[in-house]
N, C-alpha and C. Protein backbone atom coordinates (compact mmCIF):
# COMPACT_ATOMS: atom_id res chain seq x y z
N UNK A 1 166.46 98.69 48.60
CA UNK A 1 167.11 98.07 49.72
C UNK A 1 168.27 99.29 50.94
N UNK A 2 168.20 99.02 51.61
CA UNK A 2 169.42 99.76 52.70
C UNK A 2 170.48 99.37 52.52
N UNK A 3 171.69 99.55 52.00
CA UNK A 3 172.90 98.38 51.86
C UNK A 3 174.10 99.21 53.55
N UNK A 4 174.27 98.13 54.19
CA UNK A 4 174.39 98.57 55.24
C UNK A 4 176.15 99.16 54.39
N UNK A 5 176.46 100.33 55.10
CA UNK A 5 177.43 101.18 55.35
C UNK A 5 178.93 100.38 55.42
N UNK A 6 179.23 98.83 55.91
CA UNK A 6 180.84 98.56 56.25
C UNK A 6 180.82 97.59 55.04
N UNK A 7 181.44 96.29 54.98
CA UNK A 7 181.67 95.04 53.97
C UNK A 7 181.45 94.07 54.23
N UNK A 8 180.98 94.20 55.64
CA UNK A 8 180.63 92.71 56.48
C UNK A 8 179.12 91.80 56.06
N UNK A 9 179.47 90.75 55.49
CA UNK A 9 177.94 89.92 54.99
C UNK A 9 177.30 89.33 56.15
N UNK A 10 175.87 90.20 56.29
CA UNK A 10 175.06 89.30 57.44
C UNK A 10 173.80 88.68 56.45
N UNK A 11 173.39 87.97 57.40
CA UNK A 11 171.99 87.01 57.09
C UNK A 11 171.26 88.03 55.94
N UNK A 12 170.75 87.55 55.20
CA UNK A 12 169.70 88.20 54.04
C UNK A 12 169.00 89.12 54.36
N UNK A 13 168.18 88.53 55.64
CA UNK A 13 166.58 89.21 56.37
C UNK A 13 167.47 90.92 56.85
N UNK A 14 168.93 90.94 57.49
CA UNK A 14 169.16 91.89 58.13
C UNK A 14 169.75 93.15 57.41
N UNK A 15 169.69 92.84 55.85
CA UNK A 15 169.58 94.35 55.01
C UNK A 15 168.82 94.89 54.74
N UNK A 16 167.85 95.14 54.61
CA UNK A 16 166.81 96.06 54.35
C UNK A 16 166.53 97.59 55.03
N UNK A 17 166.35 97.44 56.35
CA UNK A 17 167.01 98.56 56.82
C UNK A 17 167.60 98.83 58.20
N UNK A 18 168.12 100.70 58.54
CA UNK A 18 169.42 100.22 59.37
C UNK A 18 168.86 99.26 60.92
N UNK A 19 167.62 99.51 61.36
CA UNK A 19 167.01 98.99 62.35
C UNK A 19 167.59 97.54 62.45
N UNK A 20 167.30 96.41 61.32
CA UNK A 20 167.61 95.64 61.27
C UNK A 20 169.00 95.29 61.74
N UNK A 21 169.53 95.96 60.75
CA UNK A 21 171.20 96.07 60.86
C UNK A 21 171.79 96.24 62.23
N UNK A 22 171.44 96.79 62.75
CA UNK A 22 171.88 96.79 64.25
C UNK A 22 170.81 96.31 64.79
N UNK A 23 169.68 95.53 64.75
CA UNK A 23 169.57 94.12 65.64
C UNK A 23 170.35 93.61 65.20
N UNK A 24 170.22 92.90 64.04
CA UNK A 24 171.25 91.82 63.89
C UNK A 24 172.60 91.61 64.21
N UNK A 25 173.10 92.96 64.03
CA UNK A 25 174.48 93.19 64.85
C UNK A 25 175.12 92.69 65.97
N UNK A 26 173.80 93.50 66.72
CA UNK A 26 173.92 93.75 68.53
C UNK A 26 172.99 93.15 69.12
N UNK A 27 171.80 92.24 68.62
CA UNK A 27 171.16 91.62 69.65
C UNK A 27 170.92 90.15 68.89
N UNK A 28 170.75 89.76 67.82
CA UNK A 28 169.91 88.80 67.40
C UNK A 28 170.74 87.72 67.16
N UNK A 29 170.39 86.60 68.44
CA UNK A 29 171.47 85.54 68.11
C UNK A 29 172.66 85.33 69.25
N UNK A 30 172.68 86.74 70.42
CA UNK A 30 173.02 87.00 71.53
C UNK A 30 172.73 86.28 72.51
N UNK A 31 173.28 85.03 73.17
CA UNK A 31 172.84 84.94 74.59
C UNK A 31 172.16 85.76 75.47
N UNK A 32 171.03 85.87 75.88
CA UNK A 32 170.09 86.90 76.75
C UNK A 32 169.87 85.86 78.25
N UNK A 33 170.00 86.72 79.46
CA UNK A 33 169.42 86.40 80.39
C UNK A 33 168.87 87.07 81.22
N UNK A 34 167.75 86.96 82.48
CA UNK A 34 167.27 87.54 83.13
C UNK A 34 166.01 87.66 82.85
N UNK A 35 165.07 87.26 84.13
CA UNK A 35 163.99 87.36 83.53
C UNK A 35 162.94 87.76 82.87
N UNK A 36 163.65 89.66 83.58
CA UNK A 36 162.14 90.51 82.37
C UNK A 36 163.16 90.73 81.12
N UNK A 37 164.64 90.46 80.63
CA UNK A 37 165.01 90.80 79.37
C UNK A 37 164.26 89.70 78.61
N UNK A 38 164.02 88.36 79.20
CA UNK A 38 163.36 87.14 78.37
C UNK A 38 161.96 87.44 78.46
N UNK A 39 161.23 87.91 79.71
CA UNK A 39 159.53 88.65 79.57
C UNK A 39 159.50 89.51 78.62
N UNK A 40 160.43 90.46 78.19
CA UNK A 40 160.73 91.24 77.11
C UNK A 40 161.07 90.96 75.99
N UNK A 41 161.53 89.88 75.75
CA UNK A 41 161.57 89.17 74.17
C UNK A 41 160.22 88.37 73.90
N UNK A 42 159.90 88.11 75.01
CA UNK A 42 158.86 86.73 74.62
C UNK A 42 157.51 87.55 74.24
N UNK A 43 157.39 88.83 74.84
CA UNK A 43 156.21 89.62 74.59
C UNK A 43 155.97 90.63 73.35
N UNK A 44 157.47 90.69 72.91
CA UNK A 44 157.76 91.40 71.56
C UNK A 44 157.56 90.39 70.65
N UNK A 45 158.25 89.34 70.75
CA UNK A 45 157.64 87.94 69.82
C UNK A 45 156.29 87.67 70.25
N UNK A 46 155.47 87.60 70.69
CA UNK A 46 153.87 87.46 70.28
C UNK A 46 153.22 88.97 69.43
N UNK A 47 153.90 90.01 70.39
CA UNK A 47 153.22 91.20 69.68
C UNK A 47 153.54 90.99 67.88
N UNK A 48 154.25 90.51 67.46
CA UNK A 48 155.00 90.55 66.46
C UNK A 48 154.21 89.18 65.30
N UNK A 49 153.83 88.54 65.96
CA UNK A 49 152.85 86.90 65.20
C UNK A 49 151.91 87.95 64.30
N UNK A 50 152.37 87.81 62.66
CA UNK A 50 151.23 88.12 62.09
C UNK A 50 152.41 89.63 61.49
N UNK A 51 153.43 89.79 61.68
CA UNK A 51 153.49 91.45 61.50
C UNK A 51 154.96 91.50 61.04
N UNK A 52 155.41 92.20 60.37
CA UNK A 52 156.68 92.78 60.64
C UNK A 52 157.74 92.74 61.41
N UNK A 53 159.24 92.06 61.69
CA UNK A 53 159.47 92.45 62.77
C UNK A 53 160.62 93.77 63.08
N UNK A 54 160.50 94.67 62.11
CA UNK A 54 160.76 95.64 61.94
C UNK A 54 159.70 96.84 62.41
N UNK A 55 158.46 96.70 62.29
CA UNK A 55 157.34 97.05 62.73
C UNK A 55 157.63 97.21 64.49
N UNK A 56 158.05 96.14 64.82
CA UNK A 56 157.84 96.17 66.67
C UNK A 56 159.42 96.54 66.83
N UNK A 57 160.74 96.41 65.85
CA UNK A 57 161.72 97.14 66.64
C UNK A 57 161.53 98.83 66.23
N UNK A 58 161.08 99.17 65.58
CA UNK A 58 160.57 100.64 65.64
C UNK A 58 159.16 101.42 66.45
N UNK A 59 158.81 100.26 67.30
CA UNK A 59 157.94 100.53 68.61
C UNK A 59 158.29 100.49 69.46
N UNK A 60 159.32 99.53 69.97
CA UNK A 60 160.16 99.45 70.69
C UNK A 60 160.19 99.58 72.32
N UNK A 61 160.82 100.61 72.36
CA UNK A 61 160.59 102.25 73.34
C UNK A 61 159.39 102.13 73.53
N UNK A 62 158.29 102.85 73.06
CA UNK A 62 157.17 102.96 73.16
C UNK A 62 156.53 101.98 73.86
N UNK A 63 156.73 100.30 73.65
CA UNK A 63 156.10 99.18 74.06
C UNK A 63 156.79 98.74 75.40
N UNK A 64 158.29 99.28 75.67
CA UNK A 64 158.98 99.43 76.85
C UNK A 64 157.95 100.57 78.01
N UNK A 65 157.67 101.75 77.47
CA UNK A 65 157.24 102.86 78.47
C UNK A 65 155.96 102.09 78.83
N UNK A 66 155.30 101.74 77.96
CA UNK A 66 153.60 101.40 78.02
C UNK A 66 154.09 99.88 78.73
N UNK A 67 154.72 99.31 79.18
CA UNK A 67 154.46 97.91 79.73
C UNK A 67 155.85 97.80 80.68
N UNK A 68 155.72 98.96 81.47
CA UNK A 68 156.67 99.55 82.59
C UNK A 68 157.65 98.89 82.69
N UNK A 69 158.53 99.29 81.20
CA UNK A 69 159.59 98.14 81.51
C UNK A 69 160.47 96.63 81.17
N UNK A 70 159.01 96.34 80.91
CA UNK A 70 158.34 94.55 81.35
C UNK A 70 158.64 93.97 82.31
N UNK A 71 158.45 94.72 83.52
CA UNK A 71 158.25 94.16 84.74
C UNK A 71 157.41 93.49 85.03
N UNK A 72 157.58 91.96 85.04
CA UNK A 72 156.57 91.19 85.26
C UNK A 72 155.76 91.80 86.22
N UNK A 73 156.16 91.98 87.49
CA UNK A 73 155.15 92.22 88.29
C UNK A 73 154.49 93.34 88.14
N UNK A 74 154.91 94.68 87.93
CA UNK A 74 154.52 95.57 87.57
C UNK A 74 153.22 95.42 86.24
N UNK A 75 153.68 94.26 86.01
CA UNK A 75 152.83 94.34 84.00
C UNK A 75 151.73 93.40 84.93
N UNK A 76 151.88 92.37 86.08
CA UNK A 76 150.70 91.26 86.24
C UNK A 76 149.43 92.29 86.30
N UNK A 77 149.84 93.49 87.76
CA UNK A 77 148.59 94.21 88.16
C UNK A 77 147.98 95.06 87.19
N UNK A 78 148.84 95.04 86.00
CA UNK A 78 147.39 95.75 85.10
C UNK A 78 146.18 94.96 84.71
N UNK A 79 144.95 95.96 85.24
CA UNK A 79 143.64 95.52 84.93
C UNK A 79 142.81 96.48 83.80
N UNK A 80 141.38 96.26 83.42
CA UNK A 80 140.39 96.60 82.81
C UNK A 80 140.85 98.02 81.49
N UNK A 81 141.54 98.64 83.01
CA UNK A 81 141.41 100.48 82.53
C UNK A 81 142.86 100.48 81.85
N UNK A 82 144.16 99.55 82.22
CA UNK A 82 145.09 99.52 81.57
C UNK A 82 144.92 98.85 80.03
N UNK A 83 144.02 97.82 79.83
CA UNK A 83 143.96 97.17 78.86
C UNK A 83 143.50 98.46 77.63
N UNK A 84 142.52 98.87 78.62
CA UNK A 84 141.76 100.05 77.30
C UNK A 84 142.81 101.00 77.13
N UNK A 85 143.33 101.16 77.59
CA UNK A 85 144.68 102.52 78.04
C UNK A 85 146.17 102.00 76.78
N UNK A 86 145.99 100.52 76.61
CA UNK A 86 146.82 100.15 75.97
C UNK A 86 146.62 100.00 74.41
N UNK A 87 145.08 99.87 74.32
CA UNK A 87 144.51 99.52 72.90
C UNK A 87 144.20 101.04 72.45
N UNK A 88 144.17 102.20 73.34
CA UNK A 88 144.36 103.56 72.73
C UNK A 88 146.06 104.47 72.19
N UNK A 89 146.84 103.34 72.42
CA UNK A 89 148.21 103.76 72.53
C UNK A 89 148.53 103.44 70.91
N UNK A 90 148.73 104.56 70.42
CA UNK A 90 149.17 104.72 69.09
C UNK A 90 150.61 104.04 68.36
N UNK A 91 151.20 103.90 69.67
CA UNK A 91 152.31 103.84 69.60
C UNK A 91 153.09 102.20 69.75
N UNK A 92 152.42 101.43 69.77
CA UNK A 92 152.45 99.70 70.15
C UNK A 92 151.35 99.26 69.37
N UNK A 93 151.20 98.04 69.10
CA UNK A 93 150.69 96.84 68.13
C UNK A 93 148.88 96.99 69.30
N UNK A 94 147.87 97.69 68.38
CA UNK A 94 146.67 97.92 69.44
C UNK A 94 146.12 96.54 68.94
N UNK A 95 146.59 94.98 69.52
CA UNK A 95 145.58 94.35 69.04
C UNK A 95 145.22 93.48 71.12
N UNK A 96 143.93 93.53 71.08
CA UNK A 96 143.61 92.98 72.71
C UNK A 96 144.26 91.89 73.00
N UNK A 97 143.93 90.70 72.16
CA UNK A 97 144.56 89.90 72.30
C UNK A 97 146.02 89.32 72.90
N UNK A 98 146.84 90.57 71.77
CA UNK A 98 148.02 90.03 72.56
C UNK A 98 148.42 90.84 73.49
N UNK A 99 147.47 92.53 74.06
CA UNK A 99 147.50 92.88 75.37
C UNK A 99 147.22 92.06 76.52
N UNK A 100 146.44 91.10 76.05
CA UNK A 100 145.59 90.68 77.16
C UNK A 100 146.87 89.15 77.74
N UNK A 101 147.23 89.22 76.65
CA UNK A 101 148.11 87.95 76.58
C UNK A 101 149.28 88.09 76.93
N UNK A 102 150.15 89.31 76.92
CA UNK A 102 151.02 90.06 77.57
C UNK A 102 150.87 89.89 78.64
N UNK A 103 149.59 90.40 79.51
CA UNK A 103 149.41 90.45 81.00
C UNK A 103 149.27 89.16 81.92
N UNK A 104 148.80 88.24 80.82
CA UNK A 104 148.65 86.88 81.44
C UNK A 104 150.10 86.36 81.38
N UNK A 105 150.76 86.86 80.42
CA UNK A 105 152.40 86.06 80.85
C UNK A 105 152.83 86.39 81.86
N UNK A 106 152.61 87.84 82.32
CA UNK A 106 153.47 88.45 82.93
C UNK A 106 153.06 87.82 84.38
N UNK A 107 151.25 87.38 84.67
CA UNK A 107 151.25 86.35 85.53
C UNK A 107 151.69 85.20 85.93
N UNK A 108 151.70 84.98 84.63
CA UNK A 108 152.57 83.76 84.71
C UNK A 108 153.61 83.25 84.95
N UNK A 109 154.49 84.28 84.96
CA UNK A 109 155.69 84.47 85.02
C UNK A 109 156.14 84.36 86.82
N UNK A 110 155.17 85.11 86.73
CA UNK A 110 155.19 84.88 88.34
C UNK A 110 154.67 84.00 89.44
N UNK A 111 154.00 83.04 88.83
CA UNK A 111 153.57 81.71 89.24
C UNK A 111 154.74 80.42 89.02
N UNK A 112 155.76 81.17 88.32
CA UNK A 112 156.80 80.27 87.81
C UNK A 112 157.52 79.58 89.37
N UNK A 113 158.01 78.56 89.17
CA UNK A 113 158.57 77.75 90.44
C UNK A 113 160.00 78.32 89.78
N UNK A 114 160.63 78.69 88.92
CA UNK A 114 161.87 78.69 88.56
C UNK A 114 162.15 79.59 87.71
N UNK A 115 163.04 80.23 87.72
CA UNK A 115 163.14 81.53 86.99
C UNK A 115 162.79 81.51 85.21
N UNK A 116 162.30 82.60 85.03
CA UNK A 116 161.68 82.15 82.77
C UNK A 116 162.98 82.43 82.53
N UNK A 117 164.07 82.41 83.30
CA UNK A 117 165.24 82.41 81.79
C UNK A 117 165.83 81.11 82.04
N UNK A 118 165.46 80.60 82.84
CA UNK A 118 166.34 79.15 83.14
C UNK A 118 165.60 78.06 82.40
N UNK A 119 163.64 78.35 82.62
CA UNK A 119 163.10 77.57 81.90
C UNK A 119 162.97 77.67 80.48
N UNK A 120 163.12 79.03 80.18
CA UNK A 120 163.17 78.75 78.78
C UNK A 120 164.72 78.42 78.13
N UNK A 121 165.63 78.30 78.55
CA UNK A 121 166.87 77.92 78.53
C UNK A 121 167.27 75.92 78.78
N UNK A 122 166.17 75.95 78.88
CA UNK A 122 165.99 74.58 79.06
C UNK A 122 165.89 73.74 78.23
N UNK A 123 164.88 74.47 76.80
CA UNK A 123 164.65 73.98 75.70
C UNK A 123 165.90 73.82 74.82
N UNK A 124 166.79 74.82 75.09
CA UNK A 124 167.96 74.64 73.97
C UNK A 124 168.65 73.76 73.74
N UNK A 125 168.46 73.39 72.51
CA UNK A 125 169.19 72.49 71.51
C UNK A 125 170.61 72.12 71.97
N UNK A 126 171.27 71.21 72.05
CA UNK A 126 173.11 71.21 71.97
C UNK A 126 173.11 71.30 71.06
N UNK A 127 174.24 72.49 70.97
CA UNK A 127 174.79 73.43 69.85
C UNK A 127 175.27 72.90 68.95
N UNK A 128 176.19 71.31 69.81
CA UNK A 128 177.45 70.90 68.76
C UNK A 128 177.01 69.71 68.15
N UNK A 129 175.39 69.67 68.14
CA UNK A 129 174.29 68.64 67.50
C UNK A 129 173.71 69.31 66.20
N UNK A 130 174.06 70.73 65.81
CA UNK A 130 173.23 71.64 65.11
C UNK A 130 174.19 71.57 63.88
N UNK A 131 173.77 71.80 62.70
CA UNK A 131 174.65 72.13 61.37
C UNK A 131 173.87 74.10 61.24
N UNK A 132 175.08 74.76 60.96
CA UNK A 132 175.04 75.88 60.93
C UNK A 132 174.00 75.73 59.57
N UNK A 133 173.10 76.34 59.27
CA UNK A 133 172.15 76.93 58.35
C UNK A 133 173.08 77.82 56.98
N UNK A 134 173.27 77.17 56.15
CA UNK A 134 173.73 77.37 54.86
C UNK A 134 173.54 78.82 53.92
N UNK A 135 171.70 78.47 54.33
CA UNK A 135 171.02 79.81 53.62
C UNK A 135 169.98 79.95 54.30
N UNK A 136 169.14 81.29 54.02
CA UNK A 136 167.81 81.26 54.78
C UNK A 136 166.99 80.14 54.59
N UNK A 137 166.46 79.42 53.98
CA UNK A 137 166.36 78.56 52.98
C UNK A 137 166.19 76.95 54.22
N UNK A 138 167.64 77.23 54.68
CA UNK A 138 167.60 76.27 55.86
C UNK A 138 167.16 76.55 57.00
N UNK A 139 166.79 77.22 57.62
CA UNK A 139 166.14 78.04 58.83
C UNK A 139 165.07 77.67 58.89
N UNK A 140 164.59 76.86 59.55
CA UNK A 140 163.43 76.46 60.04
C UNK A 140 162.23 77.08 60.65
N UNK A 141 161.11 77.04 60.46
CA UNK A 141 160.03 77.94 61.41
C UNK A 141 160.02 77.61 62.59
N UNK A 142 160.10 75.77 62.53
CA UNK A 142 160.22 75.47 64.36
C UNK A 142 161.04 74.00 64.07
N UNK A 143 161.38 73.82 65.62
CA UNK A 143 162.12 72.60 66.05
C UNK A 143 161.18 72.24 66.84
N UNK A 144 161.44 70.84 67.28
CA UNK A 144 160.69 69.75 68.01
C UNK A 144 161.25 70.31 68.91
N UNK A 145 162.42 71.37 69.83
CA UNK A 145 162.55 71.91 71.16
C UNK A 145 161.47 73.51 70.86
N UNK A 146 161.11 74.32 70.40
CA UNK A 146 160.13 74.70 69.96
C UNK A 146 158.64 74.46 70.12
N UNK A 147 158.51 73.37 69.54
CA UNK A 147 157.66 72.83 69.89
C UNK A 147 157.03 72.42 71.60
N UNK A 148 157.96 71.64 72.00
CA UNK A 148 158.06 71.13 73.40
C UNK A 148 158.28 72.75 74.42
N UNK A 149 158.82 73.73 73.75
CA UNK A 149 158.95 74.86 74.93
C UNK A 149 156.93 75.68 74.10
N UNK A 150 156.78 75.64 73.28
CA UNK A 150 155.14 75.80 73.67
C UNK A 150 154.21 75.52 74.39
N UNK A 151 154.54 73.98 74.51
CA UNK A 151 153.47 72.98 75.25
C UNK A 151 153.72 73.90 76.63
N UNK A 152 154.85 73.48 76.64
CA UNK A 152 155.21 73.25 78.58
C UNK A 152 154.94 74.92 78.43
N UNK A 153 155.23 76.41 77.95
CA UNK A 153 154.67 77.28 78.38
C UNK A 153 152.88 77.71 78.19
N UNK A 154 152.69 76.85 77.92
CA UNK A 154 150.99 76.76 77.48
C UNK A 154 150.39 75.85 78.11
N UNK A 155 151.26 74.92 78.97
CA UNK A 155 150.84 74.24 80.00
C UNK A 155 150.87 74.93 81.55
N UNK A 156 151.63 76.36 81.43
CA UNK A 156 151.72 77.11 82.83
C UNK A 156 151.15 78.39 82.50
N UNK A 157 150.17 78.22 81.64
CA UNK A 157 149.55 79.40 81.47
C UNK A 157 149.67 80.49 80.84
N UNK A 158 151.11 80.42 79.99
CA UNK A 158 151.53 81.39 78.55
C UNK A 158 150.42 80.98 77.41
N UNK A 159 150.44 82.07 77.38
CA UNK A 159 149.46 82.18 76.07
C UNK A 159 150.25 83.60 74.72
N UNK A 160 149.81 83.18 73.61
CA UNK A 160 150.14 83.90 72.11
C UNK A 160 151.77 82.93 71.92
N UNK A 161 152.44 81.71 72.46
CA UNK A 161 153.28 80.70 72.60
C UNK A 161 153.42 79.93 71.66
N UNK A 162 153.20 79.87 70.26
CA UNK A 162 153.42 78.67 69.46
C UNK A 162 154.37 78.67 69.06
N UNK A 163 154.69 77.14 68.96
CA UNK A 163 155.50 76.28 67.88
C UNK A 163 156.83 77.99 67.48
N UNK A 164 156.19 78.56 66.52
CA UNK A 164 157.07 79.53 65.39
C UNK A 164 157.17 80.39 66.20
N UNK A 165 156.46 81.08 67.27
CA UNK A 165 156.83 82.08 68.19
C UNK A 165 158.23 81.32 69.34
N UNK A 166 157.85 80.79 69.57
CA UNK A 166 158.85 80.28 70.54
C UNK A 166 159.92 80.15 69.92
N UNK A 167 160.36 79.24 68.28
CA UNK A 167 161.29 79.51 67.34
C UNK A 167 161.61 80.96 67.20
N UNK A 168 161.58 81.78 66.81
CA UNK A 168 161.63 83.14 66.54
C UNK A 168 162.19 83.79 68.13
N UNK A 169 161.53 83.09 69.50
CA UNK A 169 162.24 83.57 70.89
C UNK A 169 163.39 82.58 71.11
N UNK A 170 163.77 81.38 70.39
CA UNK A 170 164.99 81.15 70.51
C UNK A 170 166.54 82.00 69.81
N UNK A 171 165.41 81.78 68.51
CA UNK A 171 167.06 82.87 67.67
C UNK A 171 167.22 83.86 68.28
N UNK A 172 166.26 84.74 68.33
CA UNK A 172 166.97 86.33 69.11
C UNK A 172 167.18 85.86 70.58
N UNK A 173 167.28 85.34 71.32
CA UNK A 173 167.97 85.08 72.82
C UNK A 173 168.87 84.31 72.73
N UNK A 174 169.32 83.58 71.73
CA UNK A 174 170.53 83.12 71.70
C UNK A 174 170.65 81.59 72.24
N UNK A 175 169.13 81.04 72.22
CA UNK A 175 169.06 79.57 72.61
C UNK A 175 169.74 78.71 71.55
N UNK A 176 169.58 79.45 70.07
CA UNK A 176 169.92 78.27 69.01
C UNK A 176 171.04 80.02 68.01
N UNK A 177 171.91 79.13 67.46
CA UNK A 177 172.05 80.05 66.51
C UNK A 177 172.04 80.25 65.18
N UNK A 178 171.38 81.33 64.31
CA UNK A 178 170.97 80.82 63.28
C UNK A 178 171.26 82.03 62.29
N UNK A 179 172.88 82.23 62.14
CA UNK A 179 173.29 83.17 61.24
C UNK A 179 173.95 82.46 60.45
N UNK A 180 173.62 82.16 59.25
CA UNK A 180 173.89 81.64 57.96
C UNK A 180 175.53 81.27 58.09
N UNK A 181 175.72 80.57 57.71
CA UNK A 181 177.44 79.97 57.08
C UNK A 181 177.90 81.61 56.31
N UNK A 182 177.54 82.28 56.35
CA UNK A 182 178.22 82.92 55.16
C UNK A 182 178.52 84.74 56.20
N UNK A 183 177.67 84.75 56.94
CA UNK A 183 177.79 85.95 58.13
C UNK A 183 178.71 85.83 58.91
N UNK A 184 178.66 87.31 59.04
CA UNK A 184 180.19 87.61 60.34
C UNK A 184 179.51 87.38 61.22
N UNK A 185 178.72 86.80 61.85
CA UNK A 185 178.39 86.82 62.96
C UNK A 185 178.59 85.34 63.80
N UNK A 186 178.59 84.12 62.31
CA UNK A 186 178.80 82.85 62.70
C UNK A 186 179.90 82.76 63.06
N UNK A 187 180.33 81.92 64.04
CA UNK A 187 181.58 81.24 64.53
C UNK A 187 182.51 80.95 63.65
N UNK A 188 183.42 81.62 63.60
CA UNK A 188 184.72 80.86 62.66
C UNK A 188 184.55 81.74 61.60
N UNK A 189 183.76 82.47 61.39
CA UNK A 189 183.88 83.34 60.08
C UNK A 189 184.53 85.09 59.94
């Protein structure tokens, strides 16, 4: 286990690798806006499904290059040759279903009648009605809001967006704040 070099207390999952420490301290749970930024996070959460988030973090820059900076308009133009190119790229997760879902999701983003971030933020629960988790065991895998988000995204043509993936997206982009009570990032600590 890699111990952070400072004395700050963090969520337990964030202390095993320097990549996790940086992600936890600088990004996770920070409110995020923008279509490209939210599409990137949605895509990466889909690629993470069944894998360690550390794998995705370490491949993140290669994902960005492979998927044109996660510009939905550029990715929506990808065709069969691009899928084959991506399947041959050892710098990303080479899973056909996830690659095809990322392309389909770019097209779904372009078909939206509202910006992606507005759609996603519409599922953020009332922060004052939520109790901060005391421990990691108190952090749910899904919530009624993530179930509703997954259902709506699927209705709009998105793929690889189940309730667990949607909840991870909500945590990553600040729609919910699941920093445990003892974490330095928790409000009031």
